[in-house]
């Protein structure tokens, strides 16, 4: 078997690293030097906004790693159920996390993840990345002040868009969702797989030999 092309994840997020590993494709993690701006406090085109952030994150790594596939992603939450809305990024501090969770309590919000993939070019140029954005609607149960305060005290919300992690202590907050659950965690695997395939990297052909999963 020939060596698989190099794939780089331009993110230090442990959640994205764990999700990407489910494809069974070897990859390395290279932190992006792109400095993400604060989430704006006014309505924006949410899919366009997250794909631009993902593109910028991936480009910073692709410029330093010629010959590799470079994957970047960015996730934002919004109370809007439409394309246009005010994004909620990562909370600035604990009081900001409390504020966000009070907004999400008992309401439907949307999680938008933008993904960008730079692929190797024959002439060595950077090329134009493939980009996509995925939206998932999430409904939270009504949360008491004690539930919110105790969750924020764990510290978990402070590095997560919308101040919660669907795969962590906030899992019991989610009453229902419509769309890709992995998108809520931070990386829409179905669309990532499609981007890799379209880029000439059929990931299933490069699966590492892994033991069967039971249960």
C-alpha atoms as a PDB file:
ATOM      1  CA  UNK A   1       0.000   0.000   0.000  1.00  0.00           C
ATOM      2  CA  UNK A   2       1.284   3.469  -0.872  1.00  0.00           C
ATOM      3  CA  UNK A   3       1.516   6.117   1.752  1.00  0.00           C
ATOM      4  CA  UNK A   4      -1.613   8.222   2.064  1.00  0.00           C
ATOM      5  CA  UNK A   5      -1.341  11.942   1.239  1.00  0.00           C
ATOM      6  CA  UNK A   6      -0.573  14.211   4.163  1.00  0.00           C
ATOM      7  CA  UNK A   7      -3.623  15.588   5.911  1.00  0.00           C
ATOM      8  CA  UNK A   8      -3.294  18.404   8.422  1.00  0.00           C
ATOM      9  CA  UNK A   9      -5.941  19.603  10.844  1.00  0.00           C
ATOM     10  CA  UNK A  10      -5.444  23.334  11.400  1.00  0.00           C
ATOM     11  CA  UNK A  11      -7.027  23.256  14.841  1.00  0.00           C
ATOM     12  CA  UNK A  12      -5.969  22.411  18.374  1.00  0.00           C
ATOM     13  CA  UNK A  13      -9.540  21.558  19.373  1.00  0.00           C
ATOM     14  CA  UNK A  14      -9.534  18.113  21.021  1.00  0.00           C
ATOM     15  CA  UNK A  15     -13.141  17.643  19.897  1.00  0.00           C
ATOM     16  CA  UNK A  16     -12.289  18.154  16.232  1.00  0.00           C
ATOM     17  CA  UNK A  17      -9.243  15.926  16.561  1.00  0.00           C
ATOM     18  CA  UNK A  18     -11.361  13.119  18.030  1.00  0.00           C
ATOM     19  CA  UNK A  19     -14.039  13.482  15.360  1.00  0.00           C
ATOM     20  CA  UNK A  20     -11.598  13.556  12.441  1.00  0.00           C
ATOM     21  CA  UNK A  21      -9.947  10.393  13.775  1.00  0.00           C
ATOM     22  CA  UNK A  22     -13.250   8.574  13.185  1.00  0.00           C
ATOM     23  CA  UNK A  23     -12.512   8.636   9.453  1.00  0.00           C
ATOM     24  CA  UNK A  24      -9.566   6.332  10.138  1.00  0.00           C
ATOM     25  CA  UNK A  25      -7.288   8.575   8.067  1.00  0.00           C
ATOM     26  CA  UNK A  26      -3.852   9.489   9.466  1.00  0.00           C
ATOM     27  CA  UNK A  27      -3.412  13.202  10.062  1.00  0.00           C
ATOM     28  CA  UNK A  28      -1.321  15.646  12.014  1.00  0.00           C
ATOM     29  CA  UNK A  29      -2.340  18.722  13.976  1.00  0.00           C
ATOM     30  CA  UNK A  30      -0.742  22.072  13.196  1.00  0.00           C
ATOM     31  CA  UNK A  31      -2.117  25.067  15.116  1.00  0.00           C
ATOM     32  CA  UNK A  32      -3.164  27.971  12.918  1.00  0.00           C
ATOM     33  CA  UNK A  33      -1.470  31.320  13.481  1.00  0.00           C
ATOM     34  CA  UNK A  34      -4.607  33.145  12.356  1.00  0.00           C
ATOM     35  CA  UNK A  35      -5.948  35.355  15.131  1.00  0.00           C
ATOM     36  CA  UNK A  36      -9.690  34.879  15.176  1.00  0.00           C
ATOM     37  CA  UNK A  37     -11.587  38.168  15.673  1.00  0.00           C
ATOM     38  CA  UNK A  38     -14.283  38.492  18.349  1.00  0.00           C
ATOM     39  CA  UNK A  39     -17.777  37.543  17.242  1.00  0.00           C
ATOM     40  CA  UNK A  40     -19.557  40.675  15.957  1.00  0.00           C
ATOM     41  CA  UNK A  41     -22.428  42.101  17.986  1.00  0.00           C
ATOM     42  CA  UNK A  42     -24.549  42.774  14.894  1.00  0.00           C
ATOM     43  CA  UNK A  43     -26.338  40.543  12.356  1.00  0.00           C
ATOM     44  CA  UNK A  44     -24.148  38.875   9.727  1.00  0.00           C
ATOM     45  CA  UNK A  45     -24.511  36.203   7.054  1.00  0.00           C
ATOM     46  CA  UNK A  46     -23.687  33.316   9.374  1.00  0.00           C
ATOM     47  CA  UNK A  47     -22.660  30.627   6.826  1.00  0.00           C
ATOM     48  CA  UNK A  48     -20.473  33.159   4.984  1.00  0.00           C
ATOM     49  CA  UNK A  49     -18.933  34.355   8.241  1.00  0.00           C
ATOM     50  CA  UNK A  50     -17.949  30.898   9.551  1.00  0.00           C
ATOM     51  CA  UNK A  51     -16.602  29.742   6.185  1.00  0.00           C
ATOM     52  CA  UNK A  52     -14.423  32.856   5.966  1.00  0.00           C
ATOM     53  CA  UNK A  53     -13.014  32.155   9.426  1.00  0.00           C
ATOM     54  CA  UNK A  54     -12.393  28.510   8.503  1.00  0.00           C
ATOM     55  CA  UNK A  55     -10.699  29.581   5.266  1.00  0.00           C
ATOM     56  CA  UNK A  56      -8.404  32.002   7.076  1.00  0.00           C
ATOM     57  CA  UNK A  57      -7.445  29.411   9.688  1.00  0.00           C
ATOM     58  CA  UNK A  58      -6.626  26.808   7.050  1.00  0.00           C
ATOM     59  CA  UNK A  59      -4.793  29.258   4.764  1.00  0.00           C
ATOM     60  CA  UNK A  60      -2.343  30.247   7.514  1.00  0.00           C
ATOM     61  CA  UNK A  61      -1.256  26.605   7.795  1.00  0.00           C
ATOM     62  CA  UNK A  62      -1.450  25.754   4.071  1.00  0.00           C
ATOM     63  CA  UNK A  63       0.988  28.571   3.283  1.00  0.00           C
ATOM     64  CA  UNK A  64       3.547  26.846   5.501  1.00  0.00           C
ATOM     65  CA  UNK A  65       2.759  23.257   4.505  1.00  0.00           C
ATOM     66  CA  UNK A  66       2.976  22.873   0.697  1.00  0.00           C
ATOM     67  CA  UNK A  67       1.942  19.514  -0.671  1.00  0.00           C
ATOM     68  CA  UNK A  68      -0.543  18.757   2.122  1.00  0.00           C
ATOM     69  CA  UNK A  69      -4.290  18.716   2.467  1.00  0.00           C
ATOM     70  CA  UNK A  70      -5.134  21.298   5.136  1.00  0.00           C
ATOM     71  CA  UNK A  71      -8.493  21.297   6.888  1.00  0.00           C
ATOM     72  CA  UNK A  72      -9.776  24.258   8.886  1.00  0.00           C
ATOM     73  CA  UNK A  73     -13.071  24.738  10.715  1.00  0.00           C
ATOM     74  CA  UNK A  74     -14.906  27.288  12.811  1.00  0.00           C
ATOM     75  CA  UNK A  75     -18.147  27.017  14.790  1.00  0.00           C
ATOM     76  CA  UNK A  76     -20.566  29.694  15.966  1.00  0.00           C
ATOM     77  CA  UNK A  77     -23.963  29.644  17.651  1.00  0.00           C
ATOM     78  CA  UNK A  78     -26.868  31.997  16.963  1.00  0.00           C
ATOM     79  CA  UNK A  79     -30.341  32.463  18.393  1.00  0.00           C
ATOM     80  CA  UNK A  80     -31.525  33.178  14.863  1.00  0.00           C
ATOM     81  CA  UNK A  81     -33.030  30.285  12.923  1.00  0.00           C
ATOM     82  CA  UNK A  82     -32.349  32.106   9.654  1.00  0.00           C
ATOM     83  CA  UNK A  83     -29.209  32.631   7.587  1.00  0.00           C
ATOM     84  CA  UNK A  84     -28.762  36.123   9.011  1.00  0.00           C
ATOM     85  CA  UNK A  85     -28.210  36.510  12.741  1.00  0.00           C
ATOM     86  CA  UNK A  86     -25.969  37.715  15.552  1.00  0.00           C
ATOM     87  CA  UNK A  87     -23.327  35.075  16.292  1.00  0.00           C
ATOM     88  CA  UNK A  88     -22.386  33.864  19.739  1.00  0.00           C
ATOM     89  CA  UNK A  89     -18.724  32.966  19.850  1.00  0.00           C
ATOM     90  CA  UNK A  90     -16.713  31.795  22.826  1.00  0.00           C
ATOM     91  CA  UNK A  91     -17.603  33.613  26.054  1.00  0.00           C
ATOM     92  CA  UNK A  92     -15.165  36.249  27.218  1.00  0.00           C
ATOM     93  CA  UNK A  93     -15.440  35.110  30.833  1.00  0.00           C
ATOM     94  CA  UNK A  94     -17.751  33.342  33.291  1.00  0.00           C
ATOM     95  CA  UNK A  95     -20.341  36.161  33.458  1.00  0.00           C
ATOM     96  CA  UNK A  96     -20.498  36.152  29.655  1.00  0.00           C
ATOM     97  CA  UNK A  97     -21.027  32.372  29.698  1.00  0.00           C
ATOM     98  CA  UNK A  98     -23.886  32.835  32.176  1.00  0.00           C
ATOM     99  CA  UNK A  99     -25.424  35.420  29.845  1.00  0.00           C
ATOM    100  CA  UNK A 100     -25.233  33.124  26.814  1.00  0.00           C
ATOM    101  CA  UNK A 101     -26.707  30.134  28.600  1.00  0.00           C
ATOM    102  CA  UNK A 102     -29.623  32.209  29.869  1.00  0.00           C
ATOM    103  CA  UNK A 103     -30.317  33.177  26.258  1.00  0.00           C
ATOM    104  CA  UNK A 104     -30.218  29.540  25.121  1.00  0.00           C
ATOM    105  CA  UNK A 105     -32.381  28.238  27.990  1.00  0.00           C
ATOM    106  CA  UNK A 106     -35.711  26.884  26.754  1.00  0.00           C
ATOM    107  CA  UNK A 107     -35.079  28.127  23.208  1.00  0.00           C
ATOM    108  CA  UNK A 108     -34.083  26.864  19.779  1.00  0.00           C
ATOM    109  CA  UNK A 109     -30.720  28.011  18.477  1.00  0.00           C
ATOM    110  CA  UNK A 110     -28.621  27.149  15.463  1.00  0.00           C
ATOM    111  CA  UNK A 111     -25.055  25.904  15.324  1.00  0.00           C
ATOM    112  CA  UNK A 112     -23.099  26.885  12.206  1.00  0.00           C
ATOM    113  CA  UNK A 113     -19.778  25.285  11.304  1.00  0.00           C
ATOM    114  CA  UNK A 114     -17.713  26.438   8.371  1.00  0.00           C
ATOM    115  CA  UNK A 115     -15.157  24.061   6.870  1.00  0.00           C
ATOM    116  CA  UNK A 116     -12.365  24.822   4.406  1.00  0.00           C
ATOM    117  CA  UNK A 117     -10.031  22.368   2.676  1.00  0.00           C
ATOM    118  CA  UNK A 118      -6.879  23.382   0.814  1.00  0.00           C
ATOM    119  CA  UNK A 119      -5.506  20.625  -1.419  1.00  0.00           C
ATOM    120  CA  UNK A 120      -2.109  20.167  -3.065  1.00  0.00           C
ATOM    121  CA  UNK A 121      -1.688  21.842  -6.459  1.00  0.00           C
ATOM    122  CA  UNK A 122       0.506  20.471  -9.253  1.00  0.00           C
ATOM    123  CA  UNK A 123       2.226  23.835  -9.688  1.00  0.00           C
ATOM    124  CA  UNK A 124       2.864  24.243  -5.979  1.00  0.00           C
ATOM    125  CA  UNK A 125       0.464  27.178  -5.621  1.00  0.00           C
ATOM    126  CA  UNK A 126      -1.968  27.553  -2.753  1.00  0.00           C
ATOM    127  CA  UNK A 127      -5.037  27.145  -4.924  1.00  0.00           C
ATOM    128  CA  UNK A 128      -8.655  27.915  -4.110  1.00  0.00           C
ATOM    129  CA  UNK A 129     -10.034  25.950  -1.143  1.00  0.00           C
ATOM    130  CA  UNK A 130     -13.234  23.993  -1.081  1.00  0.00           C
ATOM    131  CA  UNK A 131     -15.582  25.451   1.509  1.00  0.00           C
ATOM    132  CA  UNK A 132     -18.920  24.528   2.985  1.00  0.00           C
ATOM    133  CA  UNK A 133     -21.113  25.493   5.924  1.00  0.00           C
ATOM    134  CA  UNK A 134     -23.431  23.234   7.896  1.00  0.00           C
ATOM    135  CA  UNK A 135     -26.306  24.315  10.142  1.00  0.00           C
ATOM    136  CA  UNK A 136     -27.962  22.305  12.903  1.00  0.00           C
ATOM    137  CA  UNK A 137     -30.963  23.429  14.949  1.00  0.00           C
ATOM    138  CA  UNK A 138     -30.771  22.629  18.672  1.00  0.00           C
ATOM    139  CA  UNK A 139     -33.465  22.968  21.327  1.00  0.00           C
ATOM    140  CA  UNK A 140     -32.426  23.430  24.956  1.00  0.00           C
ATOM    141  CA  UNK A 141     -34.639  22.508  27.857  1.00  0.00           C
ATOM    142  CA  UNK A 142     -35.449  25.293  30.317  1.00  0.00           C
ATOM    143  CA  UNK A 143     -32.486  25.680  32.659  1.00  0.00           C
ATOM    144  CA  UNK A 144     -32.622  26.872  36.253  1.00  0.00           C
ATOM    145  CA  UNK A 145     -30.166  29.463  37.519  1.00  0.00           C
ATOM    146  CA  UNK A 146     -28.571  26.774  39.681  1.00  0.00           C
ATOM    147  CA  UNK A 147     -28.044  24.485  36.681  1.00  0.00           C
ATOM    148  CA  UNK A 148     -26.466  27.290  34.692  1.00  0.00           C
ATOM    149  CA  UNK A 149     -24.242  28.450  37.541  1.00  0.00           C
ATOM    150  CA  UNK A 150     -23.055  24.936  38.348  1.00  0.00           C
ATOM    151  CA  UNK A 151     -22.252  24.253  34.704  1.00  0.00           C
ATOM    152  CA  UNK A 152     -20.268  27.460  34.285  1.00  0.00           C
ATOM    153  CA  UNK A 153     -18.376  26.628  37.505  1.00  0.00           C
ATOM    154  CA  UNK A 154     -16.983  23.503  35.795  1.00  0.00           C
ATOM    155  CA  UNK A 155     -15.079  25.759  33.409  1.00  0.00           C
ATOM    156  CA  UNK A 156     -16.205  23.703  30.437  1.00  0.00           C
ATOM    157  CA  UNK A 157     -18.163  26.480  28.665  1.00  0.00           C
ATOM    158  CA  UNK A 158     -15.322  28.993  28.532  1.00  0.00           C
ATOM    159  CA  UNK A 159     -13.630  27.712  25.362  1.00  0.00           C
ATOM    160  CA  UNK A 160     -16.748  26.728  23.441  1.00  0.00           C
ATOM    161  CA  UNK A 161     -18.945  28.614  21.004  1.00  0.00           C
ATOM    162  CA  UNK A 162     -22.254  29.433  22.629  1.00  0.00           C
ATOM    163  CA  UNK A 163     -20.795  28.522  26.044  1.00  0.00           C
ATOM    164  CA  UNK A 164     -21.581  24.817  25.958  1.00  0.00           C
ATOM    165  CA  UNK A 165     -20.226  21.478  24.779  1.00  0.00           C
ATOM    166  CA  UNK A 166     -22.793  19.026  23.437  1.00  0.00           C
ATOM    167  CA  UNK A 167     -20.485  16.106  24.162  1.00  0.00           C
ATOM    168  CA  UNK A 168     -19.774  17.188  27.732  1.00  0.00           C
ATOM    169  CA  UNK A 169     -21.636  18.189  30.872  1.00  0.00           C
ATOM    170  CA  UNK A 170     -24.182  20.137  28.806  1.00  0.00           C
ATOM    171  CA  UNK A 171     -25.430  17.002  27.028  1.00  0.00           C
ATOM    172  CA  UNK A 172     -28.515  16.757  29.319  1.00  0.00           C
ATOM    173  CA  UNK A 173     -29.477  20.319  28.311  1.00  0.00           C
ATOM    174  CA  UNK A 174     -30.232  19.238  24.740  1.00  0.00           C
ATOM    175  CA  UNK A 175     -33.887  18.351  24.350  1.00  0.00           C
ATOM    176  CA  UNK A 176     -33.731  17.745  20.607  1.00  0.00           C
ATOM    177  CA  UNK A 177     -31.819  18.655  17.476  1.00  0.00           C
ATOM    178  CA  UNK A 178     -32.407  18.685  13.733  1.00  0.00           C
ATOM    179  CA  UNK A 179     -29.433  18.105  11.462  1.00  0.00           C
ATOM    180  CA  UNK A 180     -25.889  16.805  11.889  1.00  0.00           C
ATOM    181  CA  UNK A 181     -25.091  16.225  15.565  1.00  0.00           C
ATOM    182  CA  UNK A 182     -21.348  16.111  14.849  1.00  0.00           C
ATOM    183  CA  UNK A 183     -21.717  19.645  13.551  1.00  0.00           C
ATOM    184  CA  UNK A 184     -22.849  20.691  17.034  1.00  0.00           C
ATOM    185  CA  UNK A 185     -19.720  19.113  18.506  1.00  0.00           C
ATOM    186  CA  UNK A 186     -17.569  21.040  16.039  1.00  0.00           C
ATOM    187  CA  UNK A 187     -16.912  19.098  12.828  1.00  0.00           C
ATOM    188  CA  UNK A 188     -19.622  17.898  10.380  1.00  0.00           C
ATOM    189  CA  UNK A 189     -18.059  14.595   9.381  1.00  0.00           C
ATOM    190  CA  UNK A 190     -20.354  13.860   6.439  1.00  0.00           C
ATOM    191  CA  UNK A 191     -19.439  17.118   4.709  1.00  0.00           C
ATOM    192  CA  UNK A 192     -15.770  16.757   5.638  1.00  0.00           C
ATOM    193  CA  UNK A 193     -15.798  13.332   3.984  1.00  0.00           C
ATOM    194  CA  UNK A 194     -17.341  14.828   0.856  1.00  0.00           C
ATOM    195  CA  UNK A 195     -14.735  17.596   0.690  1.00  0.00           C
ATOM    196  CA  UNK A 196     -11.911  15.067   0.994  1.00  0.00           C
ATOM    197  CA  UNK A 197     -13.438  12.905  -1.735  1.00  0.00           C
ATOM    198  CA  UNK A 198     -13.900  15.862  -4.087  1.00  0.00           C
ATOM    199  CA  UNK A 199     -10.327  16.903  -3.378  1.00  0.00           C
ATOM    200  CA  UNK A 200      -9.000  13.531  -4.527  1.00  0.00           C
ATOM    201  CA  UNK A 201      -8.586  11.947  -1.114  1.00  0.00           C
ATOM    202  CA  UNK A 202     -11.056   9.048  -0.799  1.00  0.00           C
ATOM    203  CA  UNK A 203     -10.568   8.601   2.920  1.00  0.00           C
ATOM    204  CA  UNK A 204     -12.048   5.097   3.151  1.00  0.00           C
ATOM    205  CA  UNK A 205      -9.206   3.746   0.986  1.00  0.00           C
ATOM    206  CA  UNK A 206      -6.650   4.845   3.555  1.00  0.00           C
ATOM    207  CA  UNK A 207      -8.254   3.536   6.719  1.00  0.00           C
ATOM    208  CA  UNK A 208      -5.819   2.267   9.277  1.00  0.00           C
ATOM    209  CA  UNK A 209      -6.361  -1.204  10.604  1.00  0.00           C
ATOM    210  CA  UNK A 210      -8.365  -0.671  13.776  1.00  0.00           C
ATOM    211  CA  UNK A 211     -10.079  -3.192  16.065  1.00  0.00           C
ATOM    212  CA  UNK A 212     -13.799  -3.551  15.612  1.00  0.00           C
ATOM    213  CA  UNK A 213     -15.895  -1.381  17.897  1.00  0.00           C
ATOM    214  CA  UNK A 214     -18.424  -3.189  20.047  1.00  0.00           C
ATOM    215  CA  UNK A 215     -21.491  -1.481  21.461  1.00  0.00           C
END
